[in-house]
Amino acid sequence: MSAVAYKLVDRSEWTAALAAGAYAGSAVDLADGYIHMSTASQLAETARRHYAGKSDLVLVEVALAPLGDALKWEASRGGDLFPHLFAPLPATAGSPQRGLSVDAEGVMRFDDGAVGWP
């Protein structure tokens, strides 16, 4: 399994998480009972499906080892295993943060001028 995962987060929610020391999750995460994350190879499709047309986001890279048993790899989209966190995400586990928007076609456009995900 991957050593890192990625989470797209509303910038204001991440700012609040940094102040609080942890991120409890988005409205969807809270409803589902876990924080949805993606691996590097899953991220572009996650952005396209769930974040198209959204702006003022941050991409948070999450170190998975410190999450321990609260992290579960579960089958989702097409049977692919996704990292799901069944606890708040400690703000210290998430870095670096890159600002971005996802255009109407689902393409990530980063504040630093980069377009798309490698």
PDB file of N, CA and C in Angstrom:
ATOM      1  N   MET A   1       0.834  -1.185   0.000  1.00  0.00           N
ATOM      2  CA  MET A   1       0.000   0.000   0.000  1.00  0.00           C
ATOM      3  C   MET A   1       0.883   1.255   0.000  1.00  0.00           C
ATOM      4  N   SER A   2       0.288   2.326  -0.372  1.00  0.00           N
ATOM      5  CA  SER A   2       0.995   3.598  -0.463  1.00  0.00           C
ATOM      6  C   SER A   2       1.350   4.146   0.920  1.00  0.00           C
ATOM      7  N   ALA A   3       2.434   4.911   0.990  1.00  0.00           N
ATOM      8  CA  ALA A   3       2.840   5.544   2.248  1.00  0.00           C
ATOM      9  C   ALA A   3       2.141   6.878   2.460  1.00  0.00           C
ATOM     10  N   VAL A   4       1.566   7.432   1.374  1.00  0.00           N
ATOM     11  CA  VAL A   4       0.852   8.706   1.467  1.00  0.00           C
ATOM     12  C   VAL A   4      -0.471   8.602   0.728  1.00  0.00           C
ATOM     13  N   ALA A   5      -1.397   9.465   1.120  1.00  0.00           N
ATOM     14  CA  ALA A   5      -2.672   9.599   0.423  1.00  0.00           C
ATOM     15  C   ALA A   5      -2.945  11.090   0.289  1.00  0.00           C
ATOM     16  N   TYR A   6      -4.001  11.417  -0.429  1.00  0.00           N
ATOM     17  CA  TYR A   6      -4.328  12.815  -0.692  1.00  0.00           C
ATOM     18  C   TYR A   6      -5.783  13.078  -0.347  1.00  0.00           C
ATOM     19  N   LYS A   7      -6.016  14.290   0.138  1.00  0.00           N
ATOM     20  CA  LYS A   7      -7.365  14.730   0.491  1.00  0.00           C
ATOM     21  C   LYS A   7      -7.565  16.124  -0.070  1.00  0.00           C
ATOM     22  N   LEU A   8      -8.624  16.315  -0.842  1.00  0.00           N
ATOM     23  CA  LEU A   8      -9.023  17.643  -1.294  1.00  0.00           C
ATOM     24  C   LEU A   8      -9.948  18.219  -0.229  1.00  0.00           C
ATOM     25  N   VAL A   9      -9.614  19.427   0.227  1.00  0.00           N
ATOM     26  CA  VAL A   9     -10.336  20.031   1.342  1.00  0.00           C
ATOM     27  C   VAL A   9     -10.633  21.494   1.018  1.00  0.00           C
ATOM     28  N   ASP A  10     -11.809  21.943   1.397  1.00  0.00           N
ATOM     29  CA  ASP A  10     -12.134  23.359   1.314  1.00  0.00           C
ATOM     30  C   ASP A  10     -11.095  24.135   2.132  1.00  0.00           C
ATOM     31  N   ARG A  11     -10.553  25.198   1.543  1.00  0.00           N
ATOM     32  CA  ARG A  11      -9.472  25.942   2.197  1.00  0.00           C
ATOM     33  C   ARG A  11      -9.861  26.420   3.597  1.00  0.00           C
ATOM     34  N   SER A  12     -11.074  26.924   3.764  1.00  0.00           N
ATOM     35  CA  SER A  12     -11.480  27.423   5.089  1.00  0.00           C
ATOM     36  C   SER A  12     -11.586  26.278   6.096  1.00  0.00           C
ATOM     37  N   GLU A  13     -12.009  25.093   5.651  1.00  0.00           N
ATOM     38  CA  GLU A  13     -12.074  23.938   6.552  1.00  0.00           C
ATOM     39  C   GLU A  13     -10.676  23.517   6.985  1.00  0.00           C
ATOM     40  N   TRP A  14      -9.700  23.563   6.057  1.00  0.00           N
ATOM     41  CA  TRP A  14      -8.343  23.169   6.420  1.00  0.00           C
ATOM     42  C   TRP A  14      -7.710  24.199   7.346  1.00  0.00           C
ATOM     43  N   THR A  15      -7.992  25.471   7.108  1.00  0.00           N
ATOM     44  CA  THR A  15      -7.484  26.521   7.997  1.00  0.00           C
ATOM     45  C   THR A  15      -8.011  26.308   9.415  1.00  0.00           C
ATOM     46  N   ALA A  16      -9.295  25.979   9.526  1.00  0.00           N
ATOM     47  CA  ALA A  16      -9.886  25.700  10.839  1.00  0.00           C
ATOM     48  C   ALA A  16      -9.267  24.446  11.456  1.00  0.00           C
ATOM     49  N   ALA A  17      -8.993  23.437  10.637  1.00  0.00           N
ATOM     50  CA  ALA A  17      -8.375  22.207  11.141  1.00  0.00           C
ATOM     51  C   ALA A  17      -6.973  22.473  11.684  1.00  0.00           C
ATOM     52  N   LEU A  18      -6.217  23.319  10.992  1.00  0.00           N
ATOM     53  CA  LEU A  18      -4.884  23.657  11.476  1.00  0.00           C
ATOM     54  C   LEU A  18      -4.958  24.341  12.835  1.00  0.00           C
ATOM     55  N   ALA A  19      -5.927  25.232  12.998  1.00  0.00           N
ATOM     56  CA  ALA A  19      -6.099  25.932  14.279  1.00  0.00           C
ATOM     57  C   ALA A  19      -6.543  24.968  15.380  1.00  0.00           C
ATOM     58  N   ALA A  20      -7.401  24.005  15.029  1.00  0.00           N
ATOM     59  CA  ALA A  20      -7.938  23.054  16.006  1.00  0.00           C
ATOM     60  C   ALA A  20      -6.994  21.879  16.269  1.00  0.00           C
ATOM     61  N   GLY A  21      -6.076  21.630  15.334  1.00  0.00           N
ATOM     62  CA  GLY A  21      -5.156  20.516  15.474  1.00  0.00           C
ATOM     63  C   GLY A  21      -5.599  19.246  14.772  1.00  0.00           C
ATOM     64  N   ALA A  22      -6.835  19.237  14.226  1.00  0.00           N
ATOM     65  CA  ALA A  22      -7.331  18.047  13.528  1.00  0.00           C
ATOM     66  C   ALA A  22      -8.446  18.426  12.574  1.00  0.00           C
ATOM     67  N   TYR A  23      -8.601  17.611  11.541  1.00  0.00           N
ATOM     68  CA  TYR A  23      -9.660  17.777  10.546  1.00  0.00           C
ATOM     69  C   TYR A  23     -10.691  16.673  10.761  1.00  0.00           C
ATOM     70  N   ALA A  24     -11.923  17.052  11.074  1.00  0.00           N
ATOM     71  CA  ALA A  24     -12.985  16.077  11.340  1.00  0.00           C
ATOM     72  C   ALA A  24     -13.576  15.503  10.062  1.00  0.00           C
ATOM     73  N   GLY A  25     -13.413  16.208   8.941  1.00  0.00           N
ATOM     74  CA  GLY A  25     -13.924  15.728   7.667  1.00  0.00           C
ATOM     75  C   GLY A  25     -14.945  16.672   7.070  1.00  0.00           C
ATOM     76  N   SER A  26     -15.203  16.464   5.787  1.00  0.00           N
ATOM     77  CA  SER A  26     -16.215  17.238   5.069  1.00  0.00           C
ATOM     78  C   SER A  26     -17.610  16.743   5.470  1.00  0.00           C
ATOM     79  N   ALA A  27     -18.625  17.395   4.960  1.00  0.00           N
ATOM     80  CA  ALA A  27     -19.999  16.953   5.230  1.00  0.00           C
ATOM     81  C   ALA A  27     -20.201  15.514   4.743  1.00  0.00           C
ATOM     82  N   VAL A  28     -19.646  15.178   3.591  1.00  0.00           N
ATOM     83  CA  VAL A  28     -19.766  13.808   3.064  1.00  0.00           C
ATOM     84  C   VAL A  28     -19.029  12.824   3.968  1.00  0.00           C
ATOM     85  N   ASP A  29     -17.821  13.201   4.397  1.00  0.00           N
ATOM     86  CA  ASP A  29     -17.060  12.338   5.299  1.00  0.00           C
ATOM     87  C   ASP A  29     -17.838  12.074   6.586  1.00  0.00           C
ATOM     88  N   LEU A  30     -18.365  13.133   7.163  1.00  0.00           N
ATOM     89  CA  LEU A  30     -19.107  12.998   8.420  1.00  0.00           C
ATOM     90  C   LEU A  30     -20.338  12.115   8.239  1.00  0.00           C
ATOM     91  N   ALA A  31     -21.035  12.268   7.118  1.00  0.00           N
ATOM     92  CA  ALA A  31     -22.214  11.437   6.856  1.00  0.00           C
ATOM     93  C   ALA A  31     -21.841   9.966   6.683  1.00  0.00           C
ATOM     94  N   ASP A  32     -20.683   9.708   6.050  1.00  0.00           N
ATOM     95  CA  ASP A  32     -20.259   8.329   5.799  1.00  0.00           C
ATOM     96  C   ASP A  32     -19.546   7.690   6.992  1.00  0.00           C
ATOM     97  N   GLY A  33     -19.085   8.506   7.933  1.00  0.00           N
ATOM     98  CA  GLY A  33     -18.441   7.976   9.124  1.00  0.00           C
ATOM     99  C   GLY A  33     -16.942   7.774   9.001  1.00  0.00           C
ATOM    100  N   TYR A  34     -16.337   8.284   7.942  1.00  0.00           N
ATOM    101  CA  TYR A  34     -14.892   8.193   7.764  1.00  0.00           C
ATOM    102  C   TYR A  34     -14.447   9.277   6.784  1.00  0.00           C
ATOM    103  N   ILE A  35     -13.153   9.584   6.816  1.00  0.00           N
ATOM    104  CA  ILE A  35     -12.581  10.577   5.912  1.00  0.00           C
ATOM    105  C   ILE A  35     -12.110   9.861   4.653  1.00  0.00           C
ATOM    106  N   HIS A  36     -12.673  10.268   3.527  1.00  0.00           N
ATOM    107  CA  HIS A  36     -12.299   9.728   2.221  1.00  0.00           C
ATOM    108  C   HIS A  36     -10.963  10.311   1.789  1.00  0.00           C
ATOM    109  N   MET A  37     -10.055   9.471   1.336  1.00  0.00           N
ATOM    110  CA  MET A  37      -8.795   9.918   0.762  1.00  0.00           C
ATOM    111  C   MET A  37      -8.552   9.132  -0.518  1.00  0.00           C
ATOM    112  N   SER A  38      -7.573   9.571  -1.291  1.00  0.00           N
ATOM    113  CA  SER A  38      -7.218   8.917  -2.550  1.00  0.00           C
ATOM    114  C   SER A  38      -5.719   8.724  -2.620  1.00  0.00           C
ATOM    115  N   THR A  39      -5.294   7.696  -3.344  1.00  0.00           N
ATOM    116  CA  THR A  39      -3.880   7.538  -3.645  1.00  0.00           C
ATOM    117  C   THR A  39      -3.542   8.476  -4.803  1.00  0.00           C
ATOM    118  N   ALA A  40      -2.269   8.586  -5.116  1.00  0.00           N
ATOM    119  CA  ALA A  40      -1.846   9.448  -6.229  1.00  0.00           C
ATOM    120  C   ALA A  40      -2.519   9.034  -7.528  1.00  0.00           C
ATOM    121  N   SER A  41      -2.648   7.740  -7.772  1.00  0.00           N
ATOM    122  CA  SER A  41      -3.247   7.277  -9.029  1.00  0.00           C
ATOM    123  C   SER A  41      -4.767   7.447  -9.059  1.00  0.00           C
ATOM    124  N   GLN A  42      -5.398   7.633  -7.925  1.00  0.00           N
ATOM    125  CA  GLN A  42      -6.860   7.797  -7.851  1.00  0.00           C
ATOM    126  C   GLN A  42      -7.282   9.262  -7.824  1.00  0.00           C
ATOM    127  N   LEU A  43      -6.361  10.157  -7.527  1.00  0.00           N
ATOM    128  CA  LEU A  43      -6.717  11.544  -7.238  1.00  0.00           C
ATOM    129  C   LEU A  43      -7.387  12.280  -8.394  1.00  0.00           C
ATOM    130  N   ALA A  44      -6.878  12.174  -9.597  1.00  0.00           N
ATOM    131  CA  ALA A  44      -7.454  12.912 -10.734  1.00  0.00           C
ATOM    132  C   ALA A  44      -8.915  12.526 -10.950  1.00  0.00           C
ATOM    133  N   GLU A  45      -9.228  11.247 -10.859  1.00  0.00           N
ATOM    134  CA  GLU A  45     -10.619  10.803 -11.051  1.00  0.00           C
ATOM    135  C   GLU A  45     -11.499  11.252  -9.896  1.00  0.00           C
ATOM    136  N   THR A  46     -10.966  11.254  -8.680  1.00  0.00           N
ATOM    137  CA  THR A  46     -11.720  11.764  -7.530  1.00  0.00           C
ATOM    138  C   THR A  46     -12.055  13.232  -7.740  1.00  0.00           C
ATOM    139  N   ALA A  47     -11.082  14.012  -8.185  1.00  0.00           N
ATOM    140  CA  ALA A  47     -11.318  15.441  -8.444  1.00  0.00           C
ATOM    141  C   ALA A  47     -12.399  15.611  -9.503  1.00  0.00           C
ATOM    142  N   ARG A  48     -12.294  14.855 -10.584  1.00  0.00           N
ATOM    143  CA  ARG A  48     -13.268  14.962 -11.674  1.00  0.00           C
ATOM    144  C   ARG A  48     -14.683  14.598 -11.216  1.00  0.00           C
ATOM    145  N   ARG A  49     -14.807  13.516 -10.482  1.00  0.00           N
ATOM    146  CA  ARG A  49     -16.133  13.032 -10.073  1.00  0.00           C
ATOM    147  C   ARG A  49     -16.785  13.858  -8.965  1.00  0.00           C
ATOM    148  N   HIS A  50     -15.980  14.326  -8.014  1.00  0.00           N
ATOM    149  CA  HIS A  50     -16.554  14.899  -6.799  1.00  0.00           C
ATOM    150  C   HIS A  50     -16.274  16.378  -6.560  1.00  0.00           C
ATOM    151  N   TYR A  51     -15.360  16.970  -7.340  1.00  0.00           N
ATOM    152  CA  TYR A  51     -14.971  18.353  -7.065  1.00  0.00           C
ATOM    153  C   TYR A  51     -15.068  19.269  -8.285  1.00  0.00           C
ATOM    154  N   ALA A  52     -15.556  18.787  -9.418  1.00  0.00           N
ATOM    155  CA  ALA A  52     -15.651  19.617 -10.626  1.00  0.00           C
ATOM    156  C   ALA A  52     -16.427  20.898 -10.332  1.00  0.00           C
ATOM    157  N   GLY A  53     -15.852  22.014 -10.753  1.00  0.00           N
ATOM    158  CA  GLY A  53     -16.485  23.314 -10.557  1.00  0.00           C
ATOM    159  C   GLY A  53     -16.239  23.942  -9.210  1.00  0.00           C
ATOM    160  N   LYS A  54     -15.439  23.317  -8.364  1.00  0.00           N
ATOM    161  CA  LYS A  54     -15.182  23.861  -7.023  1.00  0.00           C
ATOM    162  C   LYS A  54     -13.859  24.618  -6.998  1.00  0.00           C
ATOM    163  N   SER A  55     -13.856  25.683  -6.239  1.00  0.00           N
ATOM    164  CA  SER A  55     -12.640  26.492  -6.109  1.00  0.00           C
ATOM    165  C   SER A  55     -12.294  26.661  -4.636  1.00  0.00           C
ATOM    166  N   ASP A  56     -11.180  27.306  -4.403  1.00  0.00           N
ATOM    167  CA  ASP A  56     -10.694  27.593  -3.057  1.00  0.00           C
ATOM    168  C   ASP A  56     -10.513  26.316  -2.240  1.00  0.00           C
ATOM    169  N   LEU A  57      -9.829  25.365  -2.867  1.00  0.00           N
ATOM    170  CA  LEU A  57      -9.515  24.082  -2.242  1.00  0.00           C
ATOM    171  C   LEU A  57      -8.036  24.018  -1.910  1.00  0.00           C
ATOM    172  N   VAL A  58      -7.673  23.082  -1.069  1.00  0.00           N
ATOM    173  CA  VAL A  58      -6.269  22.736  -0.859  1.00  0.00           C
ATOM    174  C   VAL A  58      -6.123  21.227  -1.027  1.00  0.00           C
ATOM    175  N   LEU A  59      -4.988  20.848  -1.577  1.00  0.00           N
ATOM    176  CA  LEU A  59      -4.633  19.443  -1.671  1.00  0.00           C
ATOM    177  C   LEU A  59      -3.698  19.144  -0.519  1.00  0.00           C
ATOM    178  N   VAL A  60      -4.112  18.235   0.338  1.00  0.00           N
ATOM    179  CA  VAL A  60      -3.333  17.873   1.515  1.00  0.00           C
ATOM    180  C   VAL A  60      -2.734  16.492   1.285  1.00  0.00           C
ATOM    181  N   GLU A  61      -1.416  16.405   1.414  1.00  0.00           N
ATOM    182  CA  GLU A  61      -0.728  15.126   1.344  1.00  0.00           C
ATOM    183  C   GLU A  61      -0.671  14.566   2.761  1.00  0.00           C
ATOM    184  N   VAL A  62      -1.146  13.342   2.930  1.00  0.00           N
ATOM    185  CA  VAL A  62      -1.278  12.743   4.259  1.00  0.00           C
ATOM    186  C   VAL A  62      -0.313  11.567   4.413  1.00  0.00           C
ATOM    187  N   ALA A  63       0.530  11.637   5.423  1.00  0.00           N
ATOM    188  CA  ALA A  63       1.398  10.509   5.780  1.00  0.00           C
ATOM    189  C   ALA A  63       0.523   9.454   6.460  1.00  0.00           C
ATOM    190  N   LEU A  64       0.509   8.253   5.935  1.00  0.00           N
ATOM    191  CA  LEU A  64      -0.413   7.230   6.432  1.00  0.00           C
ATOM    192  C   LEU A  64       0.087   6.455   7.649  1.00  0.00           C
ATOM    193  N   ALA A  65       1.377   6.253   7.776  1.00  0.00           N
ATOM    194  CA  ALA A  65       1.902   5.436   8.883  1.00  0.00           C
ATOM    195  C   ALA A  65       1.449   5.928  10.253  1.00  0.00           C
ATOM    196  N   PRO A  66       1.443   7.241  10.528  1.00  0.00           N
ATOM    197  CA  PRO A  66       1.032   7.694  11.859  1.00  0.00           C
ATOM    198  C   PRO A  66      -0.455   7.467  12.178  1.00  0.00           C
ATOM    199  N   LEU A  67      -1.244   7.100  11.177  1.00  0.00           N
ATOM    200  CA  LEU A  67      -2.689   6.962  11.401  1.00  0.00           C
ATOM    201  C   LEU A  67      -3.060   5.627  12.034  1.00  0.00           C
ATOM    202  N   GLY A  68      -2.151   4.681  12.008  1.00  0.00           N
ATOM    203  CA  GLY A  68      -2.350   3.403  12.688  1.00  0.00           C
ATOM    204  C   GLY A  68      -3.587   2.649  12.250  1.00  0.00           C
ATOM    205  N   ASP A  69      -4.236   2.023  13.233  1.00  0.00           N
ATOM    206  CA  ASP A  69      -5.391   1.166  12.967  1.00  0.00           C
ATOM    207  C   ASP A  69      -6.640   1.929  12.557  1.00  0.00           C
ATOM    208  N   ALA A  70      -6.636   3.253  12.672  1.00  0.00           N
ATOM    209  CA  ALA A  70      -7.794   4.054  12.244  1.00  0.00           C
ATOM    210  C   ALA A  70      -7.888   4.112  10.721  1.00  0.00           C
ATOM    211  N   LEU A  71      -6.807   3.731  10.023  1.00  0.00           N
ATOM    212  CA  LEU A  71      -6.789   3.725   8.564  1.00  0.00           C
ATOM    213  C   LEU A  71      -7.172   2.345   8.053  1.00  0.00           C
ATOM    214  N   LYS A  72      -8.123   2.302   7.154  1.00  0.00           N
ATOM    215  CA  LYS A  72      -8.564   1.047   6.535  1.00  0.00           C
ATOM    216  C   LYS A  72      -8.518   1.218   5.021  1.00  0.00           C
ATOM    217  N   TRP A  73      -8.073   0.202   4.317  1.00  0.00           N
ATOM    218  CA  TRP A  73      -8.097   0.177   2.858  1.00  0.00           C
ATOM    219  C   TRP A  73      -9.348  -0.594   2.457  1.00  0.00           C
ATOM    220  N   GLU A  74     -10.264   0.090   1.773  1.00  0.00           N
ATOM    221  CA  GLU A  74     -11.551  -0.523   1.440  1.00  0.00           C
ATOM    222  C   GLU A  74     -11.846  -0.384  -0.051  1.00  0.00           C
ATOM    223  N   ALA A  75     -12.487  -1.409  -0.576  1.00  0.00           N
ATOM    224  CA  ALA A  75     -12.857  -1.404  -1.992  1.00  0.00           C
ATOM    225  C   ALA A  75     -13.927  -0.358  -2.250  1.00  0.00           C
ATOM    226  N   SER A  76     -13.750   0.356  -3.334  1.00  0.00           N
ATOM    227  CA  SER A  76     -14.728   1.354  -3.768  1.00  0.00           C
ATOM    228  C   SER A  76     -14.747   1.327  -5.284  1.00  0.00           C
ATOM    229  N   ARG A  77     -14.773   2.466  -5.900  1.00  0.00           N
ATOM    230  CA  ARG A  77     -14.871   2.644  -7.345  1.00  0.00           C
ATOM    231  C   ARG A  77     -14.171   1.522  -8.120  1.00  0.00           C
ATOM    232  N   GLY A  78     -14.953   0.661  -8.747  1.00  0.00           N
ATOM    233  CA  GLY A  78     -14.410  -0.411  -9.571  1.00  0.00           C
ATOM    234  C   GLY A  78     -13.610  -1.453  -8.811  1.00  0.00           C
ATOM    235  N   GLY A  79     -13.804  -1.553  -7.501  1.00  0.00           N
ATOM    236  CA  GLY A  79     -13.078  -2.515  -6.695  1.00  0.00           C
ATOM    237  C   GLY A  79     -11.706  -2.037  -6.255  1.00  0.00           C
ATOM    238  N   ASP A  80     -11.329  -0.831  -6.672  1.00  0.00           N
ATOM    239  CA  ASP A  80     -10.046  -0.250  -6.281  1.00  0.00           C
ATOM    240  C   ASP A  80     -10.033  -0.005  -4.774  1.00  0.00           C
ATOM    241  N   LEU A  81      -8.905  -0.243  -4.110  1.00  0.00           N
ATOM    242  CA  LEU A  81      -8.796  -0.004  -2.674  1.00  0.00           C
ATOM    243  C   LEU A  81      -8.474   1.461  -2.405  1.00  0.00           C
ATOM    244  N   PHE A  82      -9.280   2.077  -1.552  1.00  0.00           N
ATOM    245  CA  PHE A  82      -9.113   3.475  -1.173  1.00  0.00           C
ATOM    246  C   PHE A  82      -8.784   3.568   0.310  1.00  0.00           C
ATOM    247  N   PRO A  83      -7.944   4.542   0.698  1.00  0.00           N
ATOM    248  CA  PRO A  83      -7.660   4.754   2.117  1.00  0.00           C
ATOM    249  C   PRO A  83      -8.800   5.533   2.781  1.00  0.00           C
ATOM    250  N   HIS A  84      -9.351   4.968   3.829  1.00  0.00           N
ATOM    251  CA  HIS A  84     -10.429   5.596   4.596  1.00  0.00           C
ATOM    252  C   HIS A  84      -9.965   5.726   6.042  1.00  0.00           C
ATOM    253  N   LEU A  85     -10.123   6.906   6.592  1.00  0.00           N
ATOM    254  CA  LEU A  85      -9.686   7.178   7.958  1.00  0.00           C
ATOM    255  C   LEU A  85     -10.891   7.250   8.881  1.00  0.00           C
ATOM    256  N   PHE A  86     -10.947   6.361   9.858  1.00  0.00           N
ATOM    257  CA  PHE A  86     -12.053   6.283  10.808  1.00  0.00           C
ATOM    258  C   PHE A  86     -11.705   7.013  12.104  1.00  0.00           C
ATOM    259  N   ALA A  87     -11.247   8.237  11.964  1.00  0.00           N
ATOM    260  CA  ALA A  87     -10.879   9.110  13.087  1.00  0.00           C
ATOM    261  C   ALA A  87     -10.610  10.489  12.494  1.00  0.00           C
ATOM    262  N   PRO A  88     -10.564  11.513  13.322  1.00  0.00           N
ATOM    263  CA  PRO A  88     -10.152  12.814  12.804  1.00  0.00           C
ATOM    264  C   PRO A  88      -8.714  12.733  12.277  1.00  0.00           C
ATOM    265  N   LEU A  89      -8.427  13.506  11.258  1.00  0.00           N
ATOM    266  CA  LEU A  89      -7.097  13.566  10.680  1.00  0.00           C
ATOM    267  C   LEU A  89      -6.262  14.583  11.448  1.00  0.00           C
ATOM    268  N   PRO A  90      -5.202  14.137  12.141  1.00  0.00           N
ATOM    269  CA  PRO A  90      -4.347  15.107  12.835  1.00  0.00           C
ATOM    270  C   PRO A  90      -3.741  16.076  11.822  1.00  0.00           C
ATOM    271  N   ALA A  91      -3.819  17.352  12.087  1.00  0.00           N
ATOM    272  CA  ALA A  91      -3.296  18.349  11.154  1.00  0.00           C
ATOM    273  C   ALA A  91      -1.806  18.131  10.900  1.00  0.00           C
ATOM    274  N   THR A  92      -1.102  17.580  11.872  1.00  0.00           N
ATOM    275  CA  THR A  92       0.327  17.337  11.706  1.00  0.00           C
ATOM    276  C   THR A  92       0.617  16.219  10.702  1.00  0.00           C
ATOM    277  N   ALA A  93      -0.363  15.377  10.386  1.00  0.00           N
ATOM    278  CA  ALA A  93      -0.170  14.305   9.411  1.00  0.00           C
ATOM    279  C   ALA A  93      -0.318  14.809   7.984  1.00  0.00           C
ATOM    280  N   GLY A  94      -0.881  16.001   7.817  1.00  0.00           N
ATOM    281  CA  GLY A  94      -1.131  16.528   6.484  1.00  0.00           C
ATOM    282  C   GLY A  94      -0.168  17.627   6.089  1.00  0.00           C
ATOM    283  N   SER A  95       0.610  17.390   5.025  1.00  0.00           N
ATOM    284  CA  SER A  95       1.495  18.415   4.482  1.00  0.00           C
ATOM    285  C   SER A  95       2.025  17.939   3.133  1.00  0.00           C
ATOM    286  N   PRO A  96       2.542  18.745   2.280  1.00  0.00           N
ATOM    287  CA  PRO A  96       2.278  20.182   2.220  1.00  0.00           C
ATOM    288  C   PRO A  96       0.891  20.426   1.646  1.00  0.00           C
ATOM    289  N   GLN A  97       0.438  21.615   1.749  1.00  0.00           N
ATOM    290  CA  GLN A  97      -0.862  21.958   1.200  1.00  0.00           C
ATOM    291  C   GLN A  97      -0.655  22.816  -0.047  1.00  0.00           C
ATOM    292  N   ARG A  98      -1.336  22.461  -1.132  1.00  0.00           N
ATOM    293  CA  ARG A  98      -1.270  23.232  -2.378  1.00  0.00           C
ATOM    294  C   ARG A  98      -2.663  23.741  -2.686  1.00  0.00           C
ATOM    295  N   GLY A  99      -2.780  25.040  -2.932  1.00  0.00           N
ATOM    296  CA  GLY A  99      -4.063  25.613  -3.302  1.00  0.00           C
ATOM    297  C   GLY A  99      -4.435  25.243  -4.720  1.00  0.00           C
ATOM    298  N   LEU A 100      -5.730  25.071  -4.963  1.00  0.00           N
ATOM    299  CA  LEU A 100      -6.188  24.724  -6.299  1.00  0.00           C
ATOM    300  C   LEU A 100      -7.678  24.954  -6.455  1.00  0.00           C
ATOM    301  N   SER A 101      -8.094  24.880  -7.703  1.00  0.00           N
ATOM    302  CA  SER A 101      -9.499  24.823  -8.094  1.00  0.00           C
ATOM    303  C   SER A 101      -9.637  23.635  -9.029  1.00  0.00           C
ATOM    304  N   VAL A 102     -10.845  23.144  -9.174  1.00  0.00           N
ATOM    305  CA  VAL A 102     -11.122  22.077 -10.134  1.00  0.00           C
ATOM    306  C   VAL A 102     -12.102  22.669 -11.132  1.00  0.00           C
ATOM    307  N   ASP A 103     -11.714  22.701 -12.408  1.00  0.00           N
ATOM    308  CA  ASP A 103     -12.572  23.352 -13.394  1.00  0.00           C
ATOM    309  C   ASP A 103     -13.812  22.509 -13.691  1.00  0.00           C
ATOM    310  N   ALA A 104     -14.673  23.018 -14.530  1.00  0.00           N
ATOM    311  CA  ALA A 104     -15.952  22.353 -14.827  1.00  0.00           C
ATOM    312  C   ALA A 104     -15.760  20.976 -15.455  1.00  0.00           C
ATOM    313  N   GLU A 105     -14.623  20.766 -16.119  1.00  0.00           N
ATOM    314  CA  GLU A 105     -14.333  19.467 -16.727  1.00  0.00           C
ATOM    315  C   GLU A 105     -13.657  18.514 -15.745  1.00  0.00           C
ATOM    316  N   GLY A 106     -13.364  19.002 -14.538  1.00  0.00           N
ATOM    317  CA  GLY A 106     -12.753  18.152 -13.524  1.00  0.00           C
ATOM    318  C   GLY A 106     -11.236  18.175 -13.513  1.00  0.00           C
ATOM    319  N   VAL A 107     -10.628  19.144 -14.192  1.00  0.00           N
ATOM    320  CA  VAL A 107      -9.172  19.259 -14.231  1.00  0.00           C
ATOM    321  C   VAL A 107      -8.702  20.132 -13.071  1.00  0.00           C
ATOM    322  N   MET A 108      -7.718  19.643 -12.327  1.00  0.00           N
ATOM    323  CA  MET A 108      -7.166  20.410 -11.214  1.00  0.00           C
ATOM    324  C   MET A 108      -6.263  21.517 -11.760  1.00  0.00           C
ATOM    325  N   ARG A 109      -6.488  22.736 -11.268  1.00  0.00           N
ATOM    326  CA  ARG A 109      -5.695  23.899 -11.657  1.00  0.00           C
ATOM    327  C   ARG A 109      -5.127  24.501 -10.376  1.00  0.00           C
ATOM    328  N   PHE A 110      -3.827  24.312 -10.197  1.00  0.00           N
ATOM    329  CA  PHE A 110      -3.164  24.720  -8.965  1.00  0.00           C
ATOM    330  C   PHE A 110      -2.829  26.203  -8.972  1.00  0.00           C
ATOM    331  N   ASP A 111      -2.819  26.784  -7.785  1.00  0.00           N
ATOM    332  CA  ASP A 111      -2.507  28.198  -7.628  1.00  0.00           C
ATOM    333  C   ASP A 111      -1.123  28.554  -8.162  1.00  0.00           C
ATOM    334  N   ASP A 112      -0.190  27.590  -8.187  1.00  0.00           N
ATOM    335  CA  ASP A 112       1.154  27.855  -8.673  1.00  0.00           C
ATOM    336  C   ASP A 112       1.263  27.773 -10.201  1.00  0.00           C
ATOM    337  N   GLY A 113       0.117  27.570 -10.882  1.00  0.00           N
ATOM    338  CA  GLY A 113       0.090  27.532 -12.338  1.00  0.00           C
ATOM    339  C   GLY A 113       0.090  26.142 -12.936  1.00  0.00           C
ATOM    340  N   ALA A 114       0.375  25.121 -12.153  1.00  0.00           N
ATOM    341  CA  ALA A 114       0.360  23.751 -12.661  1.00  0.00           C
ATOM    342  C   ALA A 114      -1.075  23.340 -12.984  1.00  0.00           C
ATOM    343  N   VAL A 115      -1.215  22.568 -14.035  1.00  0.00           N
ATOM    344  CA  VAL A 115      -2.522  22.081 -14.472  1.00  0.00           C
ATOM    345  C   VAL A 115      -2.489  20.556 -14.508  1.00  0.00           C
ATOM    346  N   GLY A 116      -3.515  19.949 -13.954  1.00  0.00           N
ATOM    347  CA  GLY A 116      -3.612  18.492 -13.963  1.00  0.00           C
ATOM    348  C   GLY A 116      -2.798  17.850 -12.851  1.00  0.00           C
ATOM    349  N   TRP A 117      -2.871  16.559 -12.805  1.00  0.00           N
ATOM    350  CA  TRP A 117      -2.158  15.776 -11.797  1.00  0.00           C
ATOM    351  C   TRP A 117      -1.287  14.775 -12.523  1.00  0.00           C
ATOM    352  N   PRO A 118      -0.022  14.704 -12.138  1.00  0.00           N
ATOM    353  CA  PRO A 118       0.906  13.806 -12.838  1.00  0.00           C
ATOM    354  C   PRO A 118       0.449  12.377 -12.917  1.00  0.00           C
TER     355      PRO A 118
END
